[in-house]
Amino acid sequence: MPIKIPSDLPAYDVLTREGVSVMSEDQASRQDIRALRIGLLNLMPKKIQTENQFARLIGATPLQIELSLIRMSEHQTKNTAAEHMESFYRPFAEVQASGEKFDGFIITGAPIEHLDFQDVTYWDEICQVFDWTQSNVHSTFGVCWGGMAMAHYFHGLPKHMLSEKSFGLYKQTNLAPASPYLRGFSDICTVPVSRWTEIRQEDVTATGKLETLLGNEDTGPCLVEDPEHRALYVFNHFEYDSDTLKQEYDRDVESGKPIDLPVNYYPEDDPSRKPLNRWRSHAHLLYGNWINQIYQSTPFDLERIGTHVWPEKEVV
């Protein structure tokens, strides 16, 4: 089954050209099934690029997905046309007031790592989002800063500033092969990393409530499960396009900012050569597994979300 998005959303044409199955509202209404409702709280400045990245991953499963685009209520973006935001996004306050519920909810990263959490202009509202997910979302996926912020809010995990940017492709070790989220994963997978902060494994372990599923000795935890809050936190970027790290590198070079070549990204470390995508298959596996877990455990009646008992983890 395809992903259901508005036919005039830029992602519709992008995904269609790539061979991803998409459908319009009219097509979806003719199918007698309940689509999985997935919300995307998009905190990134380049909204359209981020929409395409996540729609590509969650739209590649056999299930019908209804994607809703959501923004912070008061925070305004300068990198995306106001017409696009008005046409396709709803403020969180409106979603919250409507009482609607979601099978899955993605909270993206944001370029605000240098700020303490409490100094973020929308920190109070995003804390409301975190609380709201506990009663209105079946499973939440926090990405990069979004995951760090959730882990800090629910478990007090600190984020630590790095002396230099963690930037490039890093091999992540599969630490929980029996996890349903890692079905089909190799023992090692390569994932894009781009951040100035880190979550440390000793802090994760100290909570006694979180499990690291993927990690690297140099870059720390990559994917962490939080069963108590029905959440996953990924601190790296499975969703990145093949050239996203290149765009970030070129941007910093052009602006004169000190930046090293992204590690293990360009063939023979030659930025004139086209980088190869070595994470796409695992990106689809991870988000496909997440969607599959939601499908198997979410109530058919949306009103039961938030009151439904999360199934016990299988003993392997």
Protein backbone atom coordinates (compact mmCIF):
# COMPACT_ATOMS: atom_id res chain seq x y z
CA MET A 1 0.00 0.00 0.00
CA PRO A 2 1.25 3.54 -0.67
CA ILE A 3 1.70 6.62 1.45
CA LYS A 4 -1.19 9.08 1.37
CA ILE A 5 -0.09 12.69 0.94
CA PRO A 6 -1.63 15.71 -0.80
CA SER A 7 -1.08 15.49 -4.56
CA ASP A 8 0.23 19.08 -4.62
CA LEU A 9 2.84 18.47 -1.89
CA PRO A 10 6.31 18.57 -3.52
CA ALA A 11 7.09 15.14 -2.06
CA TYR A 12 4.30 13.63 -4.20
CA ASP A 13 6.14 14.26 -7.47
CA VAL A 14 9.57 13.51 -5.98
CA LEU A 15 8.53 10.11 -4.64
CA THR A 16 6.55 9.25 -7.76
CA ARG A 17 9.64 9.81 -9.92
CA GLU A 18 11.62 7.56 -7.57
CA GLY A 19 9.10 4.75 -7.88
CA VAL A 20 7.71 5.09 -4.34
CA SER A 21 4.00 4.28 -4.31
CA VAL A 22 1.94 7.36 -3.39
CA MET A 23 -1.78 8.07 -3.52
CA SER A 24 -4.02 11.09 -3.32
CA GLU A 25 -6.88 11.64 -0.88
CA ASP A 26 -9.41 10.60 -3.53
CA GLN A 27 -7.64 7.31 -4.21
CA ALA A 28 -7.27 6.53 -0.50
CA SER A 29 -10.95 7.11 0.18
CA ARG A 30 -11.83 4.22 -2.12
CA GLN A 31 -9.91 1.68 -0.01
CA ASP A 32 -11.81 0.04 2.82
CA ILE A 33 -8.96 -0.07 5.36
CA ARG A 34 -7.71 2.13 8.17
CA ALA A 35 -4.49 3.86 7.20
CA LEU A 36 -1.82 4.23 9.86
CA ARG A 37 -1.73 7.85 10.97
CA ILE A 38 1.84 9.16 11.19
CA GLY A 39 2.61 12.73 12.30
CA LEU A 40 5.83 14.53 11.37
CA LEU A 41 6.78 17.41 13.66
CA ASN A 42 9.28 19.09 11.36
CA LEU A 43 11.80 21.26 13.21
CA MET A 44 14.34 21.47 10.38
CA PRO A 45 14.76 24.75 8.46
CA LYS A 46 14.61 23.07 5.03
CA LYS A 47 11.08 21.71 5.46
CA ILE A 48 10.56 20.30 1.98
CA GLN A 49 13.85 18.39 1.96
CA THR A 50 13.00 16.84 5.33
CA GLU A 51 9.45 15.97 4.22
CA ASN A 52 10.86 14.12 1.22
CA GLN A 53 13.39 12.21 3.32
CA PHE A 54 10.91 10.86 5.86
CA ALA A 55 8.05 10.32 3.39
CA ARG A 56 10.42 8.23 1.28
CA LEU A 57 11.15 5.90 4.21
CA ILE A 58 7.72 5.51 5.75
CA GLY A 59 6.08 5.21 2.31
CA ALA A 60 8.07 2.13 1.31
CA THR A 61 6.10 -0.45 3.31
CA PRO A 62 3.09 -2.57 2.21
CA LEU A 63 0.81 -0.54 4.52
CA GLN A 64 -1.19 2.56 3.74
CA ILE A 65 0.23 5.56 5.61
CA GLU A 66 -1.48 8.89 6.17
CA LEU A 67 1.18 11.53 6.78
CA SER A 68 0.34 14.73 8.69
CA LEU A 69 2.79 17.64 8.71
CA ILE A 70 3.00 19.63 11.95
CA ARG A 71 4.99 22.66 13.09
CA MET A 72 5.59 24.46 16.35
CA SER A 73 2.82 26.96 16.96
CA GLU A 74 4.75 30.21 17.30
CA HIS A 75 8.12 29.46 15.74
CA GLN A 76 8.42 30.81 12.19
CA THR A 77 10.70 29.36 9.53
CA LYS A 78 12.71 31.57 7.17
CA ASN A 79 13.82 28.81 4.79
CA THR A 80 10.46 27.61 3.48
CA ALA A 81 7.84 29.63 1.64
CA ALA A 82 4.98 30.86 3.78
CA GLU A 83 2.54 29.53 1.16
CA HIS A 84 3.92 26.01 1.62
CA MET A 85 3.64 26.22 5.40
CA GLU A 86 0.11 27.56 5.20
CA SER A 87 -1.00 24.91 2.72
CA PHE A 88 0.46 21.79 4.28
CA TYR A 89 1.31 22.37 7.96
CA ARG A 90 -0.80 22.68 11.07
CA PRO A 91 0.47 24.22 14.31
CA PHE A 92 0.80 21.79 17.20
CA ALA A 93 -1.65 23.82 19.30
CA GLU A 94 -4.35 23.13 16.71
CA VAL A 95 -3.56 19.41 16.63
CA GLN A 96 -3.58 19.24 20.42
CA ALA A 97 -6.89 21.08 20.68
CA SER A 98 -8.49 18.73 18.15
CA GLY A 99 -7.86 15.72 20.39
CA GLU A 100 -6.74 13.63 17.43
CA LYS A 101 -4.45 10.65 17.88
CA PHE A 102 -1.62 9.10 15.89
CA ASP A 103 -0.27 5.61 15.48
CA GLY A 104 3.24 6.99 15.04
CA PHE A 105 4.88 10.37 15.50
CA ILE A 106 8.31 11.58 14.32
CA ILE A 107 10.07 14.54 15.95
CA THR A 108 12.94 15.68 13.74
CA GLY A 109 16.28 17.20 14.58
CA ALA A 110 16.87 20.95 14.74
CA PRO A 111 20.01 23.11 14.22
CA ILE A 112 20.01 24.36 17.83
CA GLU A 113 22.54 22.00 19.42
CA HIS A 114 24.60 24.87 20.85
CA LEU A 115 21.70 25.96 23.06
CA ASP A 116 20.83 24.49 26.43
CA PHE A 117 17.47 22.78 26.16
CA GLN A 118 15.78 25.37 28.37
CA ASP A 119 17.12 28.20 26.17
CA VAL A 120 15.33 26.96 23.05
CA THR A 121 12.56 29.44 22.24
CA TYR A 122 9.93 26.71 21.88
CA TRP A 123 11.13 24.51 24.75
CA ASP A 124 7.94 24.93 26.79
CA GLU A 125 5.77 23.94 23.86
CA ILE A 126 7.88 20.96 22.85
CA CYS A 127 7.67 19.70 26.43
CA GLN A 128 3.90 19.83 25.95
CA VAL A 129 4.42 17.77 22.78
CA PHE A 130 6.38 15.14 24.75
CA ASP A 131 3.63 14.91 27.38
CA TRP A 132 0.93 14.82 24.70
CA THR A 133 2.58 11.84 22.97
CA GLN A 134 1.97 9.75 26.07
CA SER A 135 -1.80 9.98 25.66
CA ASN A 136 -2.20 10.63 21.94
CA VAL A 137 0.55 8.65 20.19
CA HIS A 138 1.15 4.92 20.09
CA SER A 139 4.87 5.09 19.21
CA THR A 140 7.18 8.11 18.96
CA PHE A 141 10.46 8.38 17.03
CA GLY A 142 12.80 11.19 18.16
CA VAL A 143 15.55 12.01 15.63
CA CYS A 144 18.91 13.64 16.49
CA TRP A 145 18.08 16.77 18.56
CA GLY A 146 14.48 15.57 18.82
CA GLY A 147 15.66 12.30 20.36
CA MET A 148 18.14 14.03 22.66
CA ALA A 149 15.45 16.42 23.86
CA MET A 150 13.00 13.58 24.59
CA ALA A 151 15.66 11.57 26.44
CA HIS A 152 16.54 14.65 28.47
CA TYR A 153 12.92 15.44 29.29
CA PHE A 154 11.89 11.93 30.29
CA HIS A 155 15.15 10.66 31.81
CA GLY A 156 17.35 13.68 32.52
CA LEU A 157 20.02 12.62 30.01
CA PRO A 158 22.50 15.46 29.43
CA LYS A 159 23.87 16.30 26.01
CA HIS A 160 27.59 16.98 25.91
CA MET A 161 29.31 19.45 23.59
CA LEU A 162 32.05 18.03 21.39
CA SER A 163 35.38 19.73 20.79
CA GLU A 164 34.93 19.13 17.06
CA LYS A 165 31.97 18.16 14.93
CA SER A 166 31.15 14.46 14.61
CA PHE A 167 30.71 14.43 10.85
CA GLY A 168 30.69 11.64 8.30
CA LEU A 169 29.78 7.98 7.91
CA TYR A 170 30.38 5.82 10.98
CA LYS A 171 29.99 2.09 11.42
CA GLN A 172 27.41 1.20 14.06
CA THR A 173 27.45 -2.15 15.88
CA ASN A 174 24.23 -4.12 16.17
CA LEU A 175 23.97 -4.54 19.96
CA ALA A 176 20.49 -6.12 20.04
CA PRO A 177 20.06 -8.54 17.10
CA ALA A 178 16.84 -9.91 18.63
CA SER A 179 15.16 -6.48 18.66
CA PRO A 180 12.17 -6.30 16.30
CA TYR A 181 13.42 -2.88 15.22
CA LEU A 182 16.62 -4.46 13.88
CA ARG A 183 15.11 -7.34 11.93
CA GLY A 184 17.25 -7.92 8.85
CA PHE A 185 20.09 -5.72 10.11
CA SER A 186 23.69 -6.71 9.53
CA ASP A 187 26.09 -6.96 12.46
CA ILE A 188 27.53 -3.62 11.31
CA CYS A 189 25.75 -0.82 9.47
CA THR A 190 26.98 2.56 8.27
CA VAL A 191 25.03 5.69 9.25
CA PRO A 192 25.51 9.42 8.54
CA VAL A 193 26.46 11.46 11.62
CA SER A 194 26.35 15.26 11.75
CA ARG A 195 26.31 16.90 15.18
CA TRP A 196 28.26 18.99 17.67
CA THR A 197 26.85 17.19 20.71
CA GLU A 198 26.61 13.65 21.97
CA ILE A 199 24.68 11.41 24.34
CA ARG A 200 27.04 9.18 26.33
CA GLN A 201 26.52 5.48 26.87
CA GLU A 202 27.24 5.66 30.59
CA ASP A 203 24.36 8.12 30.99
CA VAL A 204 22.03 5.84 29.03
CA THR A 205 23.05 2.84 31.14
CA ALA A 206 22.62 4.76 34.39
CA THR A 207 18.89 5.29 33.75
CA GLY A 208 18.24 1.55 33.99
CA LYS A 209 15.28 2.11 31.65
CA LEU A 210 16.84 2.57 28.22
CA GLU A 211 18.41 0.03 25.87
CA THR A 212 21.01 0.91 23.25
CA LEU A 213 20.29 -1.01 20.05
CA LEU A 214 23.01 0.45 17.80
CA GLY A 215 26.21 2.20 18.84
CA ASN A 216 29.79 3.17 18.03
CA GLU A 217 32.69 3.54 20.46
CA ASP A 218 33.66 6.92 19.00
CA THR A 219 30.27 8.49 18.34
CA GLY A 220 28.33 6.87 21.19
CA PRO A 221 24.78 5.49 21.13
CA CYS A 222 23.05 5.66 17.78
CA LEU A 223 19.64 4.05 18.38
CA VAL A 224 18.08 3.78 21.84
CA GLU A 225 14.77 2.21 22.84
CA ASP A 226 12.61 3.70 25.60
CA PRO A 227 9.90 1.07 26.28
CA GLU A 228 8.37 3.03 29.17
CA HIS A 229 7.47 5.91 26.84
CA ARG A 230 6.86 3.79 23.72
CA ALA A 231 9.67 5.62 21.96
CA LEU A 232 12.83 5.23 19.93
CA TYR A 233 15.63 7.79 19.89
CA VAL A 234 18.07 7.90 16.97
CA PHE A 235 20.89 10.40 17.30
CA ASN A 236 22.20 10.01 13.74
CA HIS A 237 20.61 10.39 10.31
CA PHE A 238 19.39 7.28 8.52
CA GLU A 239 17.02 9.57 6.60
CA TYR A 240 19.74 11.63 4.90
CA ASP A 241 19.91 11.80 1.11
CA SER A 242 23.10 10.70 -0.63
CA ASP A 243 24.33 14.29 -0.92
CA THR A 244 23.11 15.78 2.39
CA LEU A 245 26.53 15.60 4.05
CA LYS A 246 28.02 17.11 0.87
CA GLN A 247 25.55 19.99 1.05
CA GLU A 248 26.52 20.64 4.67
CA TYR A 249 30.24 20.46 3.86
CA ASP A 250 29.94 22.76 0.81
CA ARG A 251 27.85 25.24 2.81
CA ASP A 252 30.47 25.52 5.55
CA VAL A 253 33.35 25.77 3.08
CA GLU A 254 31.60 28.55 1.16
CA SER A 255 30.87 30.48 4.35
CA GLY A 256 34.47 30.16 5.55
CA LYS A 257 33.64 28.05 8.61
CA PRO A 258 36.30 25.59 9.76
CA ILE A 259 35.13 22.13 8.72
CA ASP A 260 36.89 18.82 8.15
CA LEU A 261 35.99 16.45 5.36
CA PRO A 262 33.15 14.13 6.40
CA VAL A 263 34.76 10.88 7.56
CA ASN A 264 34.51 7.85 5.22
CA TYR A 265 32.13 9.72 2.90
CA TYR A 266 33.87 10.74 -0.32
CA PRO A 267 35.63 8.01 -2.34
CA GLU A 268 39.33 8.22 -1.38
CA ASP A 269 38.46 11.41 0.57
CA ASP A 270 38.19 13.33 -2.69
CA PRO A 271 35.37 15.92 -2.42
CA SER A 272 35.29 16.24 -6.21
CA ARG A 273 33.98 12.67 -6.47
CA LYS A 274 30.37 11.65 -6.03
CA PRO A 275 29.70 10.08 -2.60
CA LEU A 276 28.13 6.64 -2.54
CA ASN A 277 25.05 5.90 -0.42
CA ARG A 278 25.93 3.04 1.93
CA TRP A 279 23.05 3.39 4.41
CA ARG A 280 19.89 3.41 2.27
CA SER A 281 18.99 -0.27 2.77
CA HIS A 282 19.33 -0.09 6.57
CA ALA A 283 17.34 3.16 6.62
CA HIS A 284 14.43 1.42 4.91
CA LEU A 285 14.79 -1.57 7.23
CA LEU A 286 14.70 0.56 10.38
CA TYR A 287 11.67 2.65 9.45
CA GLY A 288 9.93 -0.35 7.89
CA ASN A 289 10.45 -2.31 11.11
CA TRP A 290 9.12 0.61 13.14
CA ILE A 291 5.99 0.83 10.97
CA ASN A 292 5.56 -2.94 11.21
CA GLN A 293 5.76 -2.85 15.02
CA ILE A 294 3.17 -0.07 15.10
CA TYR A 295 0.86 -2.00 12.78
CA GLN A 296 1.07 -5.15 14.89
CA SER A 297 0.40 -3.43 18.22
CA THR A 298 -1.66 -0.27 17.65
CA PRO A 299 -5.39 -0.45 18.42
CA PHE A 300 -7.73 -0.45 15.43
CA ASP A 301 -9.87 2.07 17.33
CA LEU A 302 -7.81 5.27 17.37
CA GLU A 303 -9.55 6.41 20.54
CA ARG A 304 -7.85 3.59 22.46
CA ILE A 305 -4.39 4.99 21.71
CA GLY A 306 -2.84 6.18 24.95
CA THR A 307 -4.91 3.75 27.01
CA HIS A 308 -3.86 0.61 25.14
CA VAL A 309 -1.38 -1.65 26.96
CA TRP A 310 1.92 -1.92 25.07
CA PRO A 311 2.71 -5.62 24.51
CA GLU A 312 5.45 -7.19 26.61
CA LYS A 313 8.79 -7.65 24.89
CA GLU A 314 9.37 -11.15 23.61
CA VAL A 315 11.80 -13.29 25.55
CA VAL A 316 14.36 -14.67 23.11
